[in-house]
N, C-alpha and C. Protein backbone atom coordinates (compact mmCIF):
# COMPACT_ATOMS: atom_id res chain seq x y z
N MET A 1 -39.71 5.16 -14.47
CA MET A 1 -39.82 6.48 -14.94
C MET A 1 -39.52 6.62 -16.46
N ILE A 2 -40.09 7.35 -17.28
CA ILE A 2 -39.84 7.42 -18.74
C ILE A 2 -39.26 8.77 -19.02
N TYR A 3 -38.18 8.70 -19.76
CA TYR A 3 -37.46 9.97 -20.16
C TYR A 3 -37.72 10.09 -21.63
N GLU A 4 -37.63 11.45 -22.15
CA GLU A 4 -37.70 11.82 -23.52
C GLU A 4 -36.58 11.48 -24.35
N THR A 5 -35.43 11.57 -23.91
CA THR A 5 -34.18 11.44 -24.67
C THR A 5 -33.59 10.01 -24.57
N GLY A 6 -33.03 9.48 -25.64
CA GLY A 6 -32.31 8.26 -25.55
C GLY A 6 -31.24 8.13 -24.47
N SER A 7 -30.39 9.33 -24.39
CA SER A 7 -29.28 9.32 -23.52
C SER A 7 -29.73 9.22 -22.06
N SER A 8 -30.91 9.80 -21.67
CA SER A 8 -31.41 9.72 -20.33
C SER A 8 -31.75 8.33 -20.03
N ILE A 9 -32.32 7.63 -20.96
CA ILE A 9 -32.70 6.16 -20.79
C ILE A 9 -31.53 5.36 -20.53
N VAL A 10 -30.54 5.65 -21.28
CA VAL A 10 -29.25 4.85 -21.14
C VAL A 10 -28.62 5.23 -19.83
N GLN A 11 -28.82 6.35 -19.29
CA GLN A 11 -28.24 6.70 -18.01
C GLN A 11 -28.96 6.02 -16.99
N GLU A 12 -30.33 5.98 -17.01
CA GLU A 12 -31.12 5.27 -16.00
C GLU A 12 -30.83 3.91 -15.92
N GLU A 13 -30.51 3.10 -17.14
CA GLU A 13 -30.30 1.75 -17.27
C GLU A 13 -29.02 1.37 -16.59
N SER A 14 -27.97 2.47 -16.66
CA SER A 14 -26.60 2.26 -16.15
C SER A 14 -26.43 2.46 -14.71
N MET A 15 -27.56 2.97 -14.02
CA MET A 15 -27.45 3.11 -12.58
C MET A 15 -27.03 1.98 -11.86
N HIS A 16 -27.76 0.84 -12.25
CA HIS A 16 -27.37 -0.49 -11.60
C HIS A 16 -25.97 -0.91 -11.79
N GLU A 17 -25.50 -0.73 -12.91
CA GLU A 17 -24.01 -1.17 -13.12
C GLU A 17 -23.14 -0.18 -12.44
N LEU A 18 -23.50 1.18 -12.39
CA LEU A 18 -22.60 2.12 -11.67
C LEU A 18 -22.44 1.81 -10.33
N SER A 19 -23.66 1.45 -9.71
CA SER A 19 -23.59 1.00 -8.24
C SER A 19 -22.82 -0.30 -7.97
N ILE A 20 -22.76 -1.13 -8.86
CA ILE A 20 -21.97 -2.52 -8.90
C ILE A 20 -20.58 -2.02 -9.08
N ALA A 21 -20.19 -1.26 -10.07
CA ALA A 21 -18.76 -0.72 -10.31
C ALA A 21 -18.18 -0.12 -9.13
N SER A 22 -18.91 0.79 -8.45
CA SER A 22 -18.48 1.50 -7.26
C SER A 22 -18.28 0.60 -6.20
N SER A 23 -19.13 -0.38 -5.95
CA SER A 23 -18.93 -1.32 -4.91
C SER A 23 -17.56 -2.23 -5.16
N ILE A 24 -17.33 -2.61 -6.36
CA ILE A 24 -16.20 -3.16 -6.73
C ILE A 24 -14.91 -2.48 -6.39
N VAL A 25 -14.99 -1.27 -6.89
CA VAL A 25 -13.78 -0.36 -6.72
C VAL A 25 -13.60 -0.26 -5.14
N GLU A 26 -14.59 -0.12 -4.48
CA GLU A 26 -14.36 0.03 -2.99
C GLU A 26 -13.85 -1.23 -2.35
N ALA A 27 -14.31 -2.41 -2.67
CA ALA A 27 -13.87 -3.65 -2.18
C ALA A 27 -12.33 -3.99 -2.61
N VAL A 28 -12.02 -3.67 -3.89
CA VAL A 28 -10.73 -3.92 -4.40
C VAL A 28 -9.81 -3.00 -3.85
N THR A 29 -10.14 -1.72 -3.67
CA THR A 29 -9.27 -0.81 -2.97
C THR A 29 -8.90 -1.24 -1.61
N GLU A 30 -9.97 -1.74 -0.89
CA GLU A 30 -9.60 -2.10 0.44
C GLU A 30 -8.68 -3.39 0.62
N SER A 31 -8.95 -4.42 -0.36
CA SER A 31 -8.03 -5.52 -0.54
C SER A 31 -6.72 -5.13 -0.85
N ALA A 32 -6.55 -4.29 -1.74
CA ALA A 32 -5.21 -3.82 -2.26
C ALA A 32 -4.35 -3.07 -1.28
N SER A 33 -5.09 -2.47 -0.38
CA SER A 33 -4.35 -1.74 0.78
C SER A 33 -3.46 -2.61 1.64
N ALA A 34 -3.65 -3.78 1.53
CA ALA A 34 -2.77 -4.80 2.30
C ALA A 34 -1.46 -4.93 1.57
N TYR A 35 -1.27 -4.34 0.33
CA TYR A 35 -0.06 -4.44 -0.44
C TYR A 35 0.41 -3.09 -0.75
N PRO A 36 0.97 -2.33 0.18
CA PRO A 36 1.34 -0.93 0.04
C PRO A 36 2.35 -0.78 -1.21
N GLY A 37 2.01 0.18 -2.07
CA GLY A 37 2.72 0.47 -3.24
C GLY A 37 2.57 -0.36 -4.44
N ALA A 38 1.81 -1.43 -4.28
CA ALA A 38 1.32 -2.35 -5.40
C ALA A 38 0.19 -1.57 -6.20
N ARG A 39 0.26 -1.83 -7.59
CA ARG A 39 -0.72 -1.25 -8.35
C ARG A 39 -1.69 -2.36 -8.93
N VAL A 40 -2.95 -2.10 -8.84
CA VAL A 40 -3.91 -3.07 -9.37
C VAL A 40 -3.88 -2.84 -10.89
N ILE A 41 -3.63 -3.98 -11.62
CA ILE A 41 -3.72 -3.96 -13.04
C ILE A 41 -4.83 -4.67 -13.78
N VAL A 42 -5.34 -5.67 -13.05
CA VAL A 42 -6.45 -6.45 -13.58
C VAL A 42 -7.45 -6.91 -12.42
N VAL A 43 -8.81 -6.69 -12.69
CA VAL A 43 -9.76 -7.22 -11.67
C VAL A 43 -10.69 -8.10 -12.60
N ARG A 44 -10.66 -9.39 -12.03
CA ARG A 44 -11.58 -10.40 -12.82
C ARG A 44 -12.90 -10.62 -12.08
N LEU A 45 -13.91 -10.51 -12.75
CA LEU A 45 -15.35 -10.93 -12.05
C LEU A 45 -15.95 -12.20 -12.67
N ARG A 46 -16.74 -12.87 -11.85
CA ARG A 46 -17.58 -14.08 -12.39
C ARG A 46 -18.98 -13.35 -12.34
N VAL A 47 -19.58 -13.39 -13.45
CA VAL A 47 -21.01 -12.82 -13.59
C VAL A 47 -21.84 -13.81 -14.23
N GLY A 48 -22.96 -14.28 -13.50
CA GLY A 48 -23.94 -15.19 -14.06
C GLY A 48 -24.87 -14.58 -14.95
N ALA A 49 -25.42 -15.39 -15.90
CA ALA A 49 -26.34 -14.97 -16.83
C ALA A 49 -27.59 -14.34 -16.27
N LEU A 50 -27.95 -14.77 -15.02
CA LEU A 50 -29.12 -14.22 -14.37
C LEU A 50 -28.76 -13.04 -13.32
N ALA A 51 -27.75 -12.53 -13.39
CA ALA A 51 -27.17 -11.54 -12.58
C ALA A 51 -27.82 -10.07 -12.83
N SER A 52 -28.47 -10.00 -14.00
CA SER A 52 -28.99 -8.66 -14.37
C SER A 52 -27.89 -7.67 -14.70
N VAL A 53 -26.81 -8.19 -15.26
CA VAL A 53 -25.67 -7.08 -15.48
C VAL A 53 -25.55 -6.93 -17.05
N ILE A 54 -25.46 -5.83 -17.47
CA ILE A 54 -25.15 -5.57 -18.94
C ILE A 54 -23.66 -5.11 -19.02
N GLU A 55 -22.93 -6.14 -19.67
CA GLU A 55 -21.43 -6.14 -19.74
C GLU A 55 -20.91 -4.78 -20.10
N ASP A 56 -21.37 -4.31 -21.37
CA ASP A 56 -20.99 -3.08 -21.77
C ASP A 56 -21.14 -1.87 -20.91
N SER A 57 -22.31 -1.85 -20.22
CA SER A 57 -22.70 -0.76 -19.24
C SER A 57 -21.60 -0.97 -18.09
N LEU A 58 -21.38 -2.09 -17.61
CA LEU A 58 -20.45 -2.34 -16.46
C LEU A 58 -19.09 -1.76 -16.79
N GLN A 59 -18.64 -2.17 -17.99
CA GLN A 59 -17.27 -1.73 -18.46
C GLN A 59 -17.21 -0.19 -18.58
N PHE A 60 -18.28 0.42 -18.94
CA PHE A 60 -18.44 1.91 -18.97
C PHE A 60 -18.46 2.50 -17.63
N CYS A 61 -19.17 1.95 -16.82
CA CYS A 61 -19.34 2.43 -15.39
C CYS A 61 -17.92 2.14 -14.53
N TRP A 62 -17.27 0.97 -14.97
CA TRP A 62 -16.02 0.81 -14.33
C TRP A 62 -15.05 2.01 -14.55
N GLU A 63 -14.97 2.43 -15.74
CA GLU A 63 -14.13 3.58 -16.05
C GLU A 63 -14.58 4.70 -15.18
N LEU A 64 -15.72 5.04 -15.05
CA LEU A 64 -16.22 6.26 -14.27
C LEU A 64 -15.93 6.01 -12.85
N ALA A 65 -16.11 4.82 -12.25
CA ALA A 65 -15.98 4.55 -10.83
C ALA A 65 -14.56 4.55 -10.46
N SER A 66 -13.68 4.06 -11.29
CA SER A 66 -12.29 3.76 -10.98
C SER A 66 -11.56 5.08 -11.14
N GLU A 67 -12.01 6.08 -11.96
CA GLU A 67 -11.25 7.25 -12.31
C GLU A 67 -10.89 8.06 -11.05
N GLY A 68 -9.64 8.39 -10.88
CA GLY A 68 -9.18 9.21 -9.71
C GLY A 68 -9.01 8.33 -8.52
N SER A 69 -9.14 7.05 -8.59
CA SER A 69 -8.98 6.16 -7.49
C SER A 69 -7.57 5.44 -7.67
N PRO A 70 -7.25 4.68 -6.75
CA PRO A 70 -5.99 3.83 -6.87
C PRO A 70 -6.22 2.76 -7.99
N LEU A 71 -7.36 2.48 -8.54
CA LEU A 71 -7.69 1.48 -9.58
C LEU A 71 -7.76 2.12 -10.82
N ALA A 72 -7.46 3.41 -11.04
CA ALA A 72 -7.55 4.04 -12.32
C ALA A 72 -6.60 3.53 -13.33
N GLY A 73 -7.09 3.04 -14.51
CA GLY A 73 -6.29 2.32 -15.44
C GLY A 73 -6.27 0.81 -15.47
N ALA A 74 -6.84 0.34 -14.25
CA ALA A 74 -6.97 -1.09 -14.15
C ALA A 74 -7.92 -1.69 -15.23
N LYS A 75 -7.63 -2.84 -15.67
CA LYS A 75 -8.64 -3.48 -16.58
C LYS A 75 -9.64 -4.26 -15.86
N LEU A 76 -10.90 -4.29 -16.30
CA LEU A 76 -11.92 -5.18 -15.77
C LEU A 76 -12.21 -6.21 -16.71
N VAL A 77 -12.02 -7.52 -16.26
CA VAL A 77 -12.21 -8.72 -17.06
C VAL A 77 -13.59 -9.47 -16.55
N ILE A 78 -14.58 -9.58 -17.36
CA ILE A 78 -15.69 -10.17 -16.95
C ILE A 78 -15.92 -11.67 -17.51
N ASN A 79 -15.83 -12.55 -16.65
CA ASN A 79 -16.13 -14.07 -17.08
C ASN A 79 -17.51 -14.21 -16.83
N LYS A 80 -18.32 -14.41 -18.11
CA LYS A 80 -19.67 -14.70 -17.98
C LYS A 80 -20.01 -16.09 -17.75
N LEU A 81 -20.85 -16.56 -16.83
CA LEU A 81 -21.21 -17.84 -16.46
C LEU A 81 -22.63 -18.27 -17.03
N PRO A 82 -22.71 -19.41 -17.52
CA PRO A 82 -24.01 -19.67 -18.18
C PRO A 82 -24.85 -20.29 -16.95
N VAL A 83 -26.11 -20.47 -17.18
CA VAL A 83 -27.10 -21.04 -16.21
C VAL A 83 -26.94 -22.55 -16.18
N ILE A 84 -26.53 -23.13 -15.00
CA ILE A 84 -26.69 -24.66 -14.91
C ILE A 84 -27.76 -24.97 -13.91
N ILE A 85 -28.53 -25.88 -14.39
CA ILE A 85 -29.55 -26.52 -13.50
C ILE A 85 -29.30 -27.85 -13.18
N HIS A 86 -29.91 -28.25 -11.98
CA HIS A 86 -29.85 -29.67 -11.72
C HIS A 86 -31.33 -30.26 -11.88
N CYS A 87 -31.46 -31.34 -12.53
CA CYS A 87 -32.73 -32.05 -12.72
C CYS A 87 -32.81 -33.15 -11.73
N ASP A 88 -33.95 -33.15 -11.01
CA ASP A 88 -34.20 -34.31 -10.05
C ASP A 88 -34.62 -35.42 -10.72
N ALA A 89 -35.33 -35.25 -11.89
CA ALA A 89 -35.89 -36.54 -12.70
C ALA A 89 -34.77 -37.40 -13.19
N CYS A 90 -33.63 -36.81 -13.74
CA CYS A 90 -32.75 -37.66 -14.39
C CYS A 90 -31.31 -37.40 -13.74
N SER A 91 -31.29 -36.76 -12.52
CA SER A 91 -30.08 -36.37 -11.65
C SER A 91 -28.91 -36.00 -12.45
N ALA A 92 -29.21 -35.08 -13.45
CA ALA A 92 -28.11 -34.45 -14.25
C ALA A 92 -28.01 -33.00 -13.97
N ASP A 93 -26.79 -32.55 -13.98
CA ASP A 93 -26.53 -30.97 -13.99
C ASP A 93 -26.32 -30.59 -15.45
N SER A 94 -27.04 -29.59 -15.94
CA SER A 94 -27.03 -29.28 -17.53
C SER A 94 -26.86 -27.71 -17.56
N GLU A 95 -26.21 -27.35 -18.63
CA GLU A 95 -26.28 -25.94 -18.89
C GLU A 95 -27.58 -25.68 -19.91
N ILE A 96 -28.50 -24.67 -19.62
CA ILE A 96 -29.50 -24.35 -20.49
C ILE A 96 -29.10 -23.17 -21.41
N GLU A 97 -29.70 -23.22 -22.54
CA GLU A 97 -29.33 -22.35 -23.66
C GLU A 97 -29.79 -20.89 -23.26
N GLY A 98 -31.10 -20.86 -22.80
CA GLY A 98 -31.65 -19.37 -22.69
C GLY A 98 -32.30 -19.53 -21.18
N VAL A 99 -32.83 -18.29 -20.78
CA VAL A 99 -33.43 -18.17 -19.48
C VAL A 99 -35.02 -18.09 -19.65
N GLN A 100 -35.49 -18.54 -20.75
CA GLN A 100 -36.85 -18.50 -20.95
C GLN A 100 -37.62 -19.78 -20.47
N SER A 101 -36.74 -20.84 -20.45
CA SER A 101 -37.37 -22.13 -20.01
C SER A 101 -36.43 -22.83 -19.15
N PHE A 102 -36.73 -23.37 -18.01
CA PHE A 102 -35.89 -24.09 -17.08
C PHE A 102 -36.30 -25.58 -17.14
N ARG A 103 -36.07 -26.11 -18.47
CA ARG A 103 -36.33 -27.52 -18.63
C ARG A 103 -35.09 -28.19 -18.79
N CYS A 104 -34.97 -29.35 -18.38
CA CYS A 104 -33.72 -30.16 -18.52
C CYS A 104 -33.52 -30.47 -20.01
N PRO A 105 -32.45 -30.16 -20.62
CA PRO A 105 -32.10 -30.52 -21.96
C PRO A 105 -31.94 -31.97 -22.18
N ARG A 106 -31.77 -32.88 -21.20
CA ARG A 106 -31.66 -34.26 -21.32
C ARG A 106 -33.07 -34.92 -21.37
N CYS A 107 -33.87 -34.55 -20.39
CA CYS A 107 -35.15 -35.32 -20.31
C CYS A 107 -36.40 -34.43 -20.55
N GLY A 108 -36.22 -33.14 -20.53
CA GLY A 108 -37.33 -32.32 -20.82
C GLY A 108 -38.21 -31.86 -19.68
N GLU A 109 -37.88 -32.41 -18.37
CA GLU A 109 -38.63 -32.02 -17.19
C GLU A 109 -38.25 -30.66 -16.68
N LEU A 110 -39.19 -29.97 -16.01
CA LEU A 110 -39.06 -28.81 -15.40
C LEU A 110 -37.85 -28.86 -14.25
N ALA A 111 -37.06 -28.03 -14.18
CA ALA A 111 -36.05 -28.08 -13.19
C ALA A 111 -35.84 -26.70 -12.50
N ALA A 112 -35.92 -26.66 -11.20
CA ALA A 112 -35.77 -25.38 -10.46
C ALA A 112 -34.68 -25.11 -9.68
N ASP A 113 -33.79 -26.24 -9.61
CA ASP A 113 -32.63 -26.19 -8.76
C ASP A 113 -31.42 -25.51 -9.62
N LEU A 114 -31.08 -24.36 -9.28
CA LEU A 114 -30.16 -23.56 -10.03
C LEU A 114 -28.77 -23.98 -9.36
N ARG A 115 -27.89 -24.23 -10.10
CA ARG A 115 -26.42 -24.67 -9.58
C ARG A 115 -25.54 -23.54 -9.95
N GLN A 116 -25.77 -22.71 -10.97
CA GLN A 116 -24.88 -21.59 -11.34
C GLN A 116 -25.73 -20.64 -12.21
N GLY A 117 -25.29 -19.42 -12.11
CA GLY A 117 -25.94 -18.32 -13.00
C GLY A 117 -26.33 -17.05 -12.28
N ARG A 118 -26.37 -17.11 -10.99
CA ARG A 118 -26.71 -15.81 -10.16
C ARG A 118 -25.54 -15.20 -9.71
N GLU A 119 -24.25 -15.59 -9.92
CA GLU A 119 -23.02 -15.08 -9.37
C GLU A 119 -22.72 -13.71 -9.74
N LEU A 120 -22.19 -12.85 -8.94
CA LEU A 120 -21.60 -11.58 -9.17
C LEU A 120 -20.55 -11.45 -8.13
N GLU A 121 -19.36 -11.91 -8.50
CA GLU A 121 -18.22 -12.08 -7.51
C GLU A 121 -17.01 -11.57 -8.12
N ILE A 122 -16.13 -11.06 -7.22
CA ILE A 122 -14.76 -10.66 -7.65
C ILE A 122 -13.93 -11.97 -7.61
N GLU A 123 -13.51 -12.54 -8.76
CA GLU A 123 -12.73 -13.77 -8.81
C GLU A 123 -11.22 -13.56 -8.42
N SER A 124 -10.66 -12.54 -8.97
CA SER A 124 -9.21 -12.33 -8.52
C SER A 124 -8.77 -10.90 -8.83
N ILE A 125 -7.76 -10.46 -8.26
CA ILE A 125 -7.27 -9.13 -8.40
C ILE A 125 -5.70 -9.37 -8.84
N GLU A 126 -5.23 -8.80 -10.01
CA GLU A 126 -3.89 -8.95 -10.27
C GLU A 126 -3.18 -7.58 -9.86
N LEU A 127 -2.00 -7.78 -9.20
CA LEU A 127 -1.37 -6.57 -8.60
C LEU A 127 0.18 -6.58 -9.40
N GLU A 128 0.59 -5.35 -9.51
CA GLU A 128 2.05 -5.29 -10.01
C GLU A 128 2.78 -4.59 -8.84
N GLU A 129 3.76 -5.37 -8.34
CA GLU A 129 4.54 -4.98 -7.22
C GLU A 129 5.25 -3.67 -7.57
N PRO A 130 5.46 -2.92 -6.68
CA PRO A 130 6.47 -1.56 -6.99
C PRO A 130 7.89 -2.08 -7.12
N GLU A 131 8.57 -1.24 -7.84
CA GLU A 131 10.02 -1.50 -8.00
C GLU A 131 10.75 -1.34 -6.58
N PRO A 132 11.66 -2.34 -6.25
CA PRO A 132 12.14 -2.30 -5.02
C PRO A 132 12.80 -0.98 -4.57
N ASN A 133 13.35 -0.25 -5.35
CA ASN A 133 13.93 1.10 -5.12
C ASN A 133 13.24 2.37 -5.60
N GLU A 134 11.95 2.15 -5.79
CA GLU A 134 10.98 3.23 -6.31
C GLU A 134 10.97 4.30 -5.05
N SER A 135 10.96 4.02 -3.95
CA SER A 135 10.83 4.95 -2.75
C SER A 135 12.19 5.77 -2.38
N LYS A 136 13.19 5.24 -2.91
CA LYS A 136 14.43 5.86 -2.66
C LYS A 136 14.68 7.10 -3.63
N PRO A 137 15.44 8.22 -2.88
CA PRO A 137 15.69 9.32 -3.71
C PRO A 137 16.56 8.96 -4.85
N ALA A 138 16.42 9.63 -5.97
CA ALA A 138 17.00 9.38 -7.33
C ALA A 138 18.53 9.34 -7.09
N GLU A 139 19.22 10.31 -6.36
CA GLU A 139 20.65 10.39 -6.28
C GLU A 139 21.28 9.12 -5.45
N LEU A 140 20.48 8.45 -4.70
CA LEU A 140 21.02 7.35 -4.06
C LEU A 140 20.93 6.08 -4.94
N GLU A 141 20.08 6.10 -5.95
CA GLU A 141 20.01 4.89 -6.92
C GLU A 141 21.19 4.91 -7.81
N LEU A 142 21.88 5.98 -7.97
CA LEU A 142 22.96 6.02 -8.96
C LEU A 142 24.24 5.11 -8.39
N ASP A 143 24.44 5.29 -6.98
CA ASP A 143 25.50 4.62 -6.45
C ASP A 143 25.18 3.33 -5.97
N ALA A 144 23.93 3.04 -5.71
CA ALA A 144 23.50 1.65 -5.22
C ALA A 144 23.86 0.48 -6.19
N PRO A 145 24.23 -0.70 -5.67
CA PRO A 145 24.46 -1.86 -6.49
C PRO A 145 23.02 -2.31 -7.14
N ASP A 146 22.96 -3.05 -8.26
CA ASP A 146 21.82 -3.54 -8.82
C ASP A 146 21.10 -4.47 -7.80
N PRO A 147 19.85 -4.26 -7.61
CA PRO A 147 19.14 -5.23 -6.66
C PRO A 147 19.07 -6.52 -7.15
N VAL A 148 18.96 -7.53 -6.22
CA VAL A 148 18.82 -8.99 -6.41
C VAL A 148 17.27 -9.28 -6.52
N GLU A 149 16.87 -9.95 -7.63
CA GLU A 149 15.55 -10.14 -7.73
C GLU A 149 15.29 -11.61 -7.04
N GLU A 150 14.21 -11.62 -6.20
CA GLU A 150 13.92 -12.97 -5.61
C GLU A 150 12.50 -13.48 -6.16
N LYS A 151 12.41 -14.67 -6.54
CA LYS A 151 11.07 -15.11 -6.94
C LYS A 151 10.45 -15.98 -5.77
N ILE A 152 9.33 -15.77 -5.62
CA ILE A 152 8.67 -16.31 -4.51
C ILE A 152 7.68 -17.60 -5.11
């Protein structure tokens, strides 16, 4: 569909990233629910060069999708992955510079065995644990001894 205004075109192009961002918010919220009171501060993604994701659009849509959710304010870190092919002719795995030609950079033969580049995965979620006495009423905290921190 063709739109007359530039902003409408941007909105149409961002629909793919908005759907992705919404799915990530849903999946991370579900995973984080296993840690009551913890706050998500960073979500790291692995995104392959062939995943058809525009990083700036995904960042923008992340802000929209996470707003008003338990992930509001969390940072989205995108680790871009290059395309890696396997060449049967020379038995090498190689990174290709562009996606216009899938020729082995070592021997020049065509290679169709993709080893990396299509990923769109949540790599990790960084949580901030709640303070041990956050849920206690303020007046009880004044008389309580300092909590002992344990490192696991």
